[in-house]
Amino acid sequence: MLTAFLGLRPRIDYSQVPSPIEAIENDCQIWETKTYMTLPGTHVPLSTSEFSSVDQGNANNPMFSLGSR
């Protein structure tokens, strides 16, 4: 009975699985010279990458203003 269900699961081709070490090293090389802009549009650097960023946030909401009371 169990042999009837063996064909339902696809086999994993390990040559298709990306290496996490290579992904980390590639990301470090990419963000070594680029500056991360915080507005949407590009992927976020991995937590293992050192990078510089520019905060492009929008704080026009009165709740976030630091005006005097």
PDB file of N, CA and C in Angstrom:
ATOM      1  N   MET A   1       0.822  -1.187   0.000  1.00  0.00           N
ATOM      2  CA  MET A   1       0.000   0.000   0.000  1.00  0.00           C
ATOM      3  C   MET A   1       0.876   1.265   0.000  1.00  0.00           C
ATOM      4  N   LEU A   2       1.956   1.283   0.740  1.00  0.00           N
ATOM      5  CA  LEU A   2       2.838   2.443   0.805  1.00  0.00           C
ATOM      6  C   LEU A   2       3.528   2.699  -0.530  1.00  0.00           C
ATOM      7  N   THR A   3       3.818   1.684  -1.268  1.00  0.00           N
ATOM      8  CA  THR A   3       4.507   1.858  -2.549  1.00  0.00           C
ATOM      9  C   THR A   3       3.648   2.600  -3.563  1.00  0.00           C
ATOM     10  N   ALA A   4       2.352   2.639  -3.396  1.00  0.00           N
ATOM     11  CA  ALA A   4       1.485   3.345  -4.333  1.00  0.00           C
ATOM     12  C   ALA A   4       1.670   4.861  -4.226  1.00  0.00           C
ATOM     13  N   PHE A   5       2.123   5.362  -3.087  1.00  0.00           N
ATOM     14  CA  PHE A   5       2.269   6.797  -2.881  1.00  0.00           C
ATOM     15  C   PHE A   5       3.685   7.310  -3.108  1.00  0.00           C
ATOM     16  N   LEU A   6       4.617   6.477  -3.442  1.00  0.00           N
ATOM     17  CA  LEU A   6       6.000   6.900  -3.617  1.00  0.00           C
ATOM     18  C   LEU A   6       6.173   7.871  -4.785  1.00  0.00           C
ATOM     19  N   GLY A   7       5.384   7.764  -5.822  1.00  0.00           N
ATOM     20  CA  GLY A   7       5.517   8.619  -6.989  1.00  0.00           C
ATOM     21  C   GLY A   7       4.964  10.018  -6.793  1.00  0.00           C
ATOM     22  N   LEU A   8       4.254  10.273  -5.723  1.00  0.00           N
ATOM     23  CA  LEU A   8       3.635  11.576  -5.525  1.00  0.00           C
ATOM     24  C   LEU A   8       4.616  12.640  -5.047  1.00  0.00           C
ATOM     25  N   ARG A   9       5.716  12.272  -4.464  1.00  0.00           N
ATOM     26  CA  ARG A   9       6.691  13.238  -3.957  1.00  0.00           C
ATOM     27  C   ARG A   9       7.817  13.409  -4.972  1.00  0.00           C
ATOM     28  N   PRO A  10       8.051  14.637  -5.399  1.00  0.00           N
ATOM     29  CA  PRO A  10       9.177  14.828  -6.322  1.00  0.00           C
ATOM     30  C   PRO A  10      10.503  14.712  -5.558  1.00  0.00           C
ATOM     31  N   ARG A  11      11.471  14.187  -6.221  1.00  0.00           N
ATOM     32  CA  ARG A  11      12.793  14.073  -5.601  1.00  0.00           C
ATOM     33  C   ARG A  11      13.506  15.416  -5.664  1.00  0.00           C
ATOM     34  N   ILE A  12      14.282  15.714  -4.658  1.00  0.00           N
ATOM     35  CA  ILE A  12      15.036  16.957  -4.611  1.00  0.00           C
ATOM     36  C   ILE A  12      16.339  16.766  -5.379  1.00  0.00           C
ATOM     37  N   ASP A  13      16.565  17.655  -6.324  1.00  0.00           N
ATOM     38  CA  ASP A  13      17.820  17.639  -7.065  1.00  0.00           C
ATOM     39  C   ASP A  13      18.777  18.570  -6.330  1.00  0.00           C
ATOM     40  N   TYR A  14      19.728  18.011  -5.613  1.00  0.00           N
ATOM     41  CA  TYR A  14      20.612  18.795  -4.757  1.00  0.00           C
ATOM     42  C   TYR A  14      21.524  19.728  -5.544  1.00  0.00           C
ATOM     43  N   SER A  15      21.689  19.487  -6.829  1.00  0.00           N
ATOM     44  CA  SER A  15      22.492  20.408  -7.628  1.00  0.00           C
ATOM     45  C   SER A  15      21.728  21.706  -7.903  1.00  0.00           C
ATOM     46  N   GLN A  16      20.409  21.705  -7.690  1.00  0.00           N
ATOM     47  CA  GLN A  16      19.585  22.896  -7.900  1.00  0.00           C
ATOM     48  C   GLN A  16      19.461  23.752  -6.645  1.00  0.00           C
ATOM     49  N   VAL A  17      19.846  23.229  -5.492  1.00  0.00           N
ATOM     50  CA  VAL A  17      19.726  23.948  -4.225  1.00  0.00           C
ATOM     51  C   VAL A  17      20.919  24.897  -4.085  1.00  0.00           C
ATOM     52  N   PRO A  18      20.648  26.209  -3.887  1.00  0.00           N
ATOM     53  CA  PRO A  18      21.777  27.145  -3.776  1.00  0.00           C
ATOM     54  C   PRO A  18      22.554  26.957  -2.480  1.00  0.00           C
ATOM     55  N   SER A  19      23.827  27.238  -2.544  1.00  0.00           N
ATOM     56  CA  SER A  19      24.688  27.132  -1.371  1.00  0.00           C
ATOM     57  C   SER A  19      24.504  28.379  -0.506  1.00  0.00           C
ATOM     58  N   PRO A  20      24.208  28.228   0.780  1.00  0.00           N
ATOM     59  CA  PRO A  20      24.060  29.410   1.634  1.00  0.00           C
ATOM     60  C   PRO A  20      25.367  30.184   1.791  1.00  0.00           C
ATOM     61  N   ILE A  21      26.489  29.491   1.760  1.00  0.00           N
ATOM     62  CA  ILE A  21      27.792  30.158   1.878  1.00  0.00           C
ATOM     63  C   ILE A  21      28.029  31.060   0.665  1.00  0.00           C
ATOM     64  N   GLU A  22      27.727  30.551  -0.524  1.00  0.00           N
ATOM     65  CA  GLU A  22      27.900  31.354  -1.737  1.00  0.00           C
ATOM     66  C   GLU A  22      26.945  32.544  -1.742  1.00  0.00           C
ATOM     67  N   ALA A  23      25.721  32.350  -1.271  1.00  0.00           N
ATOM     68  CA  ALA A  23      24.751  33.446  -1.227  1.00  0.00           C
ATOM     69  C   ALA A  23      25.223  34.549  -0.286  1.00  0.00           C
ATOM     70  N   ILE A  24      25.768  34.181   0.858  1.00  0.00           N
ATOM     71  CA  ILE A  24      26.274  35.162   1.817  1.00  0.00           C
ATOM     72  C   ILE A  24      27.462  35.919   1.228  1.00  0.00           C
ATOM     73  N   GLU A  25      28.395  35.204   0.605  1.00  0.00           N
ATOM     74  CA  GLU A  25      29.572  35.847   0.031  1.00  0.00           C
ATOM     75  C   GLU A  25      29.196  36.768  -1.123  1.00  0.00           C
ATOM     76  N   ASN A  26      28.254  36.340  -1.965  1.00  0.00           N
ATOM     77  CA  ASN A  26      27.810  37.186  -3.077  1.00  0.00           C
ATOM     78  C   ASN A  26      27.135  38.447  -2.560  1.00  0.00           C
ATOM     79  N   ASP A  27      26.317  38.310  -1.518  1.00  0.00           N
ATOM     80  CA  ASP A  27      25.629  39.470  -0.963  1.00  0.00           C
ATOM     81  C   ASP A  27      26.625  40.449  -0.344  1.00  0.00           C
ATOM     82  N   CYS A  28      27.644  39.927   0.325  1.00  0.00           N
ATOM     83  CA  CYS A  28      28.677  40.799   0.906  1.00  0.00           C
ATOM     84  C   CYS A  28      29.403  41.582  -0.184  1.00  0.00           C
ATOM     85  N   GLN A  29      29.694  40.926  -1.300  1.00  0.00           N
ATOM     86  CA  GLN A  29      30.382  41.601  -2.398  1.00  0.00           C
ATOM     87  C   GLN A  29      29.497  42.670  -3.029  1.00  0.00           C
ATOM     88  N   ILE A  30      28.214  42.393  -3.164  1.00  0.00           N
ATOM     89  CA  ILE A  30      27.288  43.358  -3.762  1.00  0.00           C
ATOM     90  C   ILE A  30      27.195  44.617  -2.903  1.00  0.00           C
ATOM     91  N   TRP A  31      27.009  44.450  -1.592  1.00  0.00           N
ATOM     92  CA  TRP A  31      26.776  45.591  -0.705  1.00  0.00           C
ATOM     93  C   TRP A  31      28.057  46.239  -0.198  1.00  0.00           C
ATOM     94  N   GLU A  32      29.198  45.720  -0.626  1.00  0.00           N
ATOM     95  CA  GLU A  32      30.472  46.316  -0.241  1.00  0.00           C
ATOM     96  C   GLU A  32      30.615  47.722  -0.822  1.00  0.00           C
ATOM     97  N   THR A  33      30.125  47.936  -2.035  1.00  0.00           N
ATOM     98  CA  THR A  33      30.274  49.218  -2.712  1.00  0.00           C
ATOM     99  C   THR A  33      28.953  49.966  -2.881  1.00  0.00           C
ATOM    100  N   LYS A  34      27.820  49.279  -2.734  1.00  0.00           N
ATOM    101  CA  LYS A  34      26.519  49.930  -2.917  1.00  0.00           C
ATOM    102  C   LYS A  34      26.010  50.505  -1.605  1.00  0.00           C
ATOM    103  N   THR A  35      25.147  51.497  -1.706  1.00  0.00           N
ATOM    104  CA  THR A  35      24.463  52.059  -0.547  1.00  0.00           C
ATOM    105  C   THR A  35      23.010  51.610  -0.602  1.00  0.00           C
ATOM    106  N   TYR A  36      22.515  51.111   0.506  1.00  0.00           N
ATOM    107  CA  TYR A  36      21.125  50.652   0.562  1.00  0.00           C
ATOM    108  C   TYR A  36      20.209  51.835   0.814  1.00  0.00           C
ATOM    109  N   MET A  37      19.299  52.096  -0.116  1.00  0.00           N
ATOM    110  CA  MET A  37      18.297  53.137   0.042  1.00  0.00           C
ATOM    111  C   MET A  37      17.055  52.483   0.632  1.00  0.00           C
ATOM    112  N   THR A  38      16.480  53.078   1.669  1.00  0.00           N
ATOM    113  CA  THR A  38      15.440  52.401   2.441  1.00  0.00           C
ATOM    114  C   THR A  38      14.080  52.358   1.760  1.00  0.00           C
ATOM    115  N   LEU A  39      13.845  53.155   0.730  1.00  0.00           N
ATOM    116  CA  LEU A  39      12.567  53.068   0.030  1.00  0.00           C
ATOM    117  C   LEU A  39      12.513  51.770  -0.762  1.00  0.00           C
ATOM    118  N   PRO A  40      11.314  51.237  -0.987  1.00  0.00           N
ATOM    119  CA  PRO A  40      11.195  49.967  -1.719  1.00  0.00           C
ATOM    120  C   PRO A  40      11.787  50.064  -3.121  1.00  0.00           C
ATOM    121  N   GLY A  41      12.242  48.941  -3.599  1.00  0.00           N
ATOM    122  CA  GLY A  41      12.782  48.895  -4.947  1.00  0.00           C
ATOM    123  C   GLY A  41      13.917  47.905  -5.103  1.00  0.00           C
ATOM    124  N   THR A  42      14.698  47.703  -4.065  1.00  0.00           N
ATOM    125  CA  THR A  42      15.794  46.731  -4.136  1.00  0.00           C
ATOM    126  C   THR A  42      15.656  45.749  -2.978  1.00  0.00           C
ATOM    127  N   HIS A  43      16.338  44.640  -3.097  1.00  0.00           N
ATOM    128  CA  HIS A  43      16.279  43.670  -2.002  1.00  0.00           C
ATOM    129  C   HIS A  43      17.120  44.164  -0.825  1.00  0.00           C
ATOM    130  N   VAL A  44      16.739  43.754   0.335  1.00  0.00           N
ATOM    131  CA  VAL A  44      17.412  44.145   1.574  1.00  0.00           C
ATOM    132  C   VAL A  44      18.690  43.328   1.721  1.00  0.00           C
ATOM    133  N   PRO A  45      19.778  43.943   2.180  1.00  0.00           N
ATOM    134  CA  PRO A  45      21.001  43.169   2.413  1.00  0.00           C
ATOM    135  C   PRO A  45      20.776  42.102   3.486  1.00  0.00           C
ATOM    136  N   LEU A  46      21.498  41.017   3.381  1.00  0.00           N
ATOM    137  CA  LEU A  46      21.420  39.976   4.398  1.00  0.00           C
ATOM    138  C   LEU A  46      21.989  40.494   5.711  1.00  0.00           C
ATOM    139  N   SER A  47      21.581  39.899   6.788  1.00  0.00           N
ATOM    140  CA  SER A  47      22.048  40.349   8.105  1.00  0.00           C
ATOM    141  C   SER A  47      23.536  40.099   8.301  1.00  0.00           C
ATOM    142  N   THR A  48      24.126  39.269   7.475  1.00  0.00           N
ATOM    143  CA  THR A  48      25.548  38.971   7.594  1.00  0.00           C
ATOM    144  C   THR A  48      26.418  39.954   6.804  1.00  0.00           C
ATOM    145  N   SER A  49      25.796  40.851   6.028  1.00  0.00           N
ATOM    146  CA  SER A  49      26.533  41.796   5.194  1.00  0.00           C
ATOM    147  C   SER A  49      26.739  43.117   5.916  1.00  0.00           C
ATOM    148  N   GLU A  50      27.921  43.680   5.736  1.00  0.00           N
ATOM    149  CA  GLU A  50      28.160  45.032   6.221  1.00  0.00           C
ATOM    150  C   GLU A  50      27.776  45.971   5.087  1.00  0.00           C
ATOM    151  N   PHE A  51      26.973  46.996   5.389  1.00  0.00           N
ATOM    152  CA  PHE A  51      26.511  47.895   4.348  1.00  0.00           C
ATOM    153  C   PHE A  51      26.242  49.267   4.948  1.00  0.00           C
ATOM    154  N   SER A  52      26.192  50.262   4.076  1.00  0.00           N
ATOM    155  CA  SER A  52      25.779  51.594   4.508  1.00  0.00           C
ATOM    156  C   SER A  52      24.397  51.845   3.929  1.00  0.00           C
ATOM    157  N   SER A  53      23.616  52.649   4.633  1.00  0.00           N
ATOM    158  CA  SER A  53      22.252  52.897   4.168  1.00  0.00           C
ATOM    159  C   SER A  53      21.910  54.369   4.322  1.00  0.00           C
ATOM    160  N   VAL A  54      20.924  54.782   3.552  1.00  0.00           N
ATOM    161  CA  VAL A  54      20.392  56.135   3.619  1.00  0.00           C
ATOM    162  C   VAL A  54      18.923  56.001   3.964  1.00  0.00           C
ATOM    163  N   ASP A  55      18.516  56.592   5.094  1.00  0.00           N
ATOM    164  CA  ASP A  55      17.127  56.531   5.520  1.00  0.00           C
ATOM    165  C   ASP A  55      16.323  57.541   4.717  1.00  0.00           C
ATOM    166  N   GLN A  56      15.405  57.052   3.904  1.00  0.00           N
ATOM    167  CA  GLN A  56      14.569  57.909   3.079  1.00  0.00           C
ATOM    168  C   GLN A  56      13.141  57.955   3.627  1.00  0.00           C
ATOM    169  N   GLY A  57      12.997  57.729   4.908  1.00  0.00           N
ATOM    170  CA  GLY A  57      11.684  57.662   5.525  1.00  0.00           C
ATOM    171  C   GLY A  57      10.914  58.962   5.414  1.00  0.00           C
ATOM    172  N   ASN A  58       9.612  58.839   5.598  1.00  0.00           N
ATOM    173  CA  ASN A  58       8.724  59.977   5.510  1.00  0.00           C
ATOM    174  C   ASN A  58       8.050  60.136   6.865  1.00  0.00           C
ATOM    175  N   ALA A  59       8.332  61.216   7.564  1.00  0.00           N
ATOM    176  CA  ALA A  59       7.761  61.443   8.891  1.00  0.00           C
ATOM    177  C   ALA A  59       6.831  62.653   8.881  1.00  0.00           C
ATOM    178  N   ASN A  60       5.976  62.751   7.865  1.00  0.00           N
ATOM    179  CA  ASN A  60       5.059  63.873   7.776  1.00  0.00           C
ATOM    180  C   ASN A  60       3.837  63.699   8.662  1.00  0.00           C
ATOM    181  N   ASN A  61       3.668  62.553   9.233  1.00  0.00           N
ATOM    182  CA  ASN A  61       2.545  62.304  10.120  1.00  0.00           C
ATOM    183  C   ASN A  61       2.762  63.099  11.404  1.00  0.00           C
ATOM    184  N   PRO A  62       1.766  63.891  11.850  1.00  0.00           N
ATOM    185  CA  PRO A  62       1.944  64.690  13.069  1.00  0.00           C
ATOM    186  C   PRO A  62       2.280  63.843  14.299  1.00  0.00           C
ATOM    187  N   MET A  63       1.889  62.595  14.287  1.00  0.00           N
ATOM    188  CA  MET A  63       2.179  61.724  15.416  1.00  0.00           C
ATOM    189  C   MET A  63       3.697  61.563  15.602  1.00  0.00           C
ATOM    190  N   PHE A  64       4.463  61.659  14.517  1.00  0.00           N
ATOM    191  CA  PHE A  64       5.897  61.436  14.581  1.00  0.00           C
ATOM    192  C   PHE A  64       6.699  62.733  14.663  1.00  0.00           C
ATOM    193  N   SER A  65       6.068  63.877  14.614  1.00  0.00           N
ATOM    194  CA  SER A  65       6.815  65.127  14.648  1.00  0.00           C
ATOM    195  C   SER A  65       7.328  65.407  16.058  1.00  0.00           C
ATOM    196  N   LEU A  66       8.435  66.088  16.146  1.00  0.00           N
ATOM    197  CA  LEU A  66       9.052  66.376  17.436  1.00  0.00           C
ATOM    198  C   LEU A  66       8.865  67.841  17.825  1.00  0.00           C
ATOM    199  N   GLY A  67       7.741  68.409  17.457  1.00  0.00           N
ATOM    200  CA  GLY A  67       7.481  69.809  17.758  1.00  0.00           C
ATOM    201  C   GLY A  67       7.303  70.048  19.255  1.00  0.00           C
ATOM    202  N   SER A  68       7.453  71.319  19.648  1.00  0.00           N
ATOM    203  CA  SER A  68       7.306  71.636  21.071  1.00  0.00           C
ATOM    204  C   SER A  68       5.835  71.620  21.464  1.00  0.00           C
ATOM    205  N   ARG A  69       5.577  71.350  22.714  1.00  0.00           N
ATOM    206  CA  ARG A  69       4.187  71.261  23.177  1.00  0.00           C
ATOM    207  C   ARG A  69       3.733  72.533  23.782  1.00  0.00           C
TER     208      ARG A  69
END
